């Protein structure tokens, strides 16, 4: 019995490390994907900003990011398969990991098929599917990496509800960011505050948010992304504040990640979409998602402990 428990603990450590490695790989994948997508859209082109929104031809500068993207994606698939193999050694103990690894493998296959449709795609739905799929994979890797450890005293019920809501709104905010980029709306709405105030009630049409058709630059889409960023900033900071009683370290990391992502977003506006800042914004979104998942996991696990005591 003792040997079986020891084997389970060893398998748990390996699975957690593989999942953490997979999450890090997905951040690299998201960065390289963003670099390729943004360069193709004309970001950082020679006659900026006149060339923004004009599809650029592939150049030698794309080869290294594309290679890193493919290597990281393949390594992530091996991480998923490895998690499934280690989880299958104790299937009753790792039922959740087995189910999640199967879903992750299916999602990876779907993303690989979708990736073949990315070249020359003009509708936002293709990059939207790639980015949201990548974010979901990142979230699942991050969740598995947390293990089953309970941290701190029970979290209040309002914090669990806030955590669920923040995660949902964060994915919606990511979708708005992708649509802003895919429709070349980065420069359609300038100014830190005037972008939102000028467009809050004007120019809003449902058709502008339809990812299935090619979209012209839209100030409304950009303004919606700005409003979403403000909502995530406020909710993320409140979530970090409430998390202090559960795990101070995770609360501090979450608060820092939210503030850093907001700062990068402001820099994008102030300096008119520099390429490196835009790539960092995409990487920051993936990193922020990981911190949100880690915080969410700590909150739910602490409440499970409270329910057992009751």
Foldseek 3Di string as FASTA:
>chain_A
DVVVVVLVVVLLQLLLVLLVLLLVLLLLLLLLVLLVLQVQQPFPHDPPPVSGRPGDDDDPVNVVSVVSNVVSLVSSLVSLVVNLVSCVVPCVVNVVSNVLSVVLNVLSVVLVVLVVVPVPDQFLVSVLSNLLSSLVSSLSSLLSNLGQDAFFAAFDPVLLVLLVVLLVLLNVLVSLVSLQSSQSQLPVAADLPCLQVVPVPPDDDPVQSDRPDRHHHDSNSVNVSSVSLVVSLVSQLVSLVRCCRGPVVLSVVSNVLSVVLVVLVVVCRVVVHHSVSSSVNSSSSSVNSSSSSSSSSNNVSNVVVVVVVD
